[in-house]
Amino acid sequence: MKTKQDNLFLAELGKNIKRLRNKHNISLRKLEVLCDLDRARISQYENGLRDPSATTLAKLAAGIGVHPSELLDFPLPGA
C-alpha cells in the first residue's frame, strides 16, 4: 500500500518527467514511439498515478534524451 509520502514522490517525479519532455519539445505520441511505451501509461507516470520501474525510467530518459538521474532531480517532498 502506498503512503502519502509515496504519492507525493510519484507526483513530483511525474511533474519532472513532463517538464523535461516539454523542455525537449517531445509530444506524448513521439515519446511513445521513442520508448516503446504506451502513451496512456506515460501519461499515468506524468500524473503520478503509476510507479515506474528502473528500466522504465531508463527508457523514458533515453527517449527524452537525458540521463536517468535527471528524471529524479527534484526536491524530495517533505524533506
Protein backbone atom coordinates (compact mmCIF):
# COMPACT_ATOMS: atom_id res chain seq x y z
CA MET A 1 0.00 0.00 0.00
CA LYS A 2 1.34 3.42 -0.96
CA THR A 3 1.83 6.02 1.72
CA LYS A 4 1.13 9.73 1.40
CA GLN A 5 4.89 10.26 1.04
CA ASP A 6 4.98 7.71 -1.81
CA ASN A 7 2.17 9.54 -3.59
CA LEU A 8 3.89 12.91 -3.16
CA PHE A 9 7.13 11.46 -4.56
CA LEU A 10 5.35 9.97 -7.59
CA ALA A 11 3.56 13.28 -8.22
CA GLU A 12 6.87 15.19 -8.22
CA LEU A 13 8.55 12.55 -10.38
CA GLY A 14 5.69 12.79 -12.86
CA LYS A 15 5.87 16.58 -12.97
CA ASN A 16 9.59 16.37 -13.66
CA ILE A 17 9.17 13.80 -16.44
CA LYS A 18 6.57 16.04 -18.08
CA ARG A 19 8.69 19.17 -17.59
CA LEU A 20 11.70 17.56 -19.25
CA ARG A 21 9.59 16.15 -22.08
CA ASN A 22 8.12 19.58 -22.77
CA LYS A 23 11.52 21.27 -22.45
CA HIS A 24 12.80 19.00 -25.22
CA ASN A 25 9.65 19.59 -27.32
CA ILE A 26 8.64 15.93 -27.36
CA SER A 27 4.97 15.03 -27.63
CA LEU A 28 3.46 12.08 -25.82
CA ARG A 29 2.94 10.40 -29.17
CA LYS A 30 6.60 10.83 -30.12
CA LEU A 31 7.81 9.64 -26.71
CA GLU A 32 5.56 6.61 -27.05
CA VAL A 33 7.42 5.64 -30.23
CA LEU A 34 10.87 6.52 -28.88
CA CYS A 35 10.38 4.49 -25.68
CA ASP A 36 8.14 1.71 -26.97
CA LEU A 37 5.76 2.52 -24.11
CA ASP A 38 2.02 3.10 -24.36
CA ARG A 39 1.05 6.78 -24.40
CA ALA A 40 -1.63 6.22 -21.74
CA ARG A 41 0.95 4.63 -19.45
CA ILE A 42 3.38 7.53 -19.97
CA SER A 43 0.55 9.90 -19.08
CA GLN A 44 -0.11 7.91 -15.90
CA TYR A 45 3.56 8.26 -14.94
CA GLU A 46 3.44 12.00 -15.62
CA ASN A 47 0.33 12.34 -13.46
CA GLY A 48 1.82 10.36 -10.57
CA LEU A 49 -0.67 7.52 -10.95
CA ARG A 50 1.86 4.75 -11.66
CA ASP A 51 5.20 3.84 -10.16
CA PRO A 52 7.71 3.35 -12.99
CA SER A 53 10.36 0.66 -12.69
CA ALA A 54 14.04 1.47 -13.04
CA THR A 55 14.06 0.08 -16.58
CA THR A 56 11.05 2.22 -17.47
CA LEU A 57 12.81 5.31 -16.11
CA ALA A 58 15.82 4.42 -18.27
CA LYS A 59 13.57 4.11 -21.35
CA LEU A 60 11.89 7.44 -20.62
CA ALA A 61 15.22 9.17 -20.07
CA ALA A 62 16.62 7.76 -23.32
CA GLY A 63 13.51 8.86 -25.20
CA ILE A 64 13.73 12.38 -23.80
CA GLY A 65 17.48 12.49 -24.32
CA VAL A 66 18.58 12.96 -20.72
CA HIS A 67 20.48 10.92 -18.14
CA PRO A 68 18.09 8.90 -15.92
CA SER A 69 19.30 10.84 -12.88
CA GLU A 70 17.73 13.99 -14.36
CA LEU A 71 14.30 12.42 -14.01
CA LEU A 72 14.94 12.16 -10.28
CA ASP A 73 16.46 15.61 -9.88
CA PHE A 74 13.84 17.38 -7.81
CA PRO A 75 13.44 18.26 -4.12
CA LEU A 76 12.08 15.38 -2.08
CA PRO A 77 8.62 16.15 -0.78
CA GLY A 78 8.65 16.72 2.96
CA ALA A 79 12.46 16.76 3.16
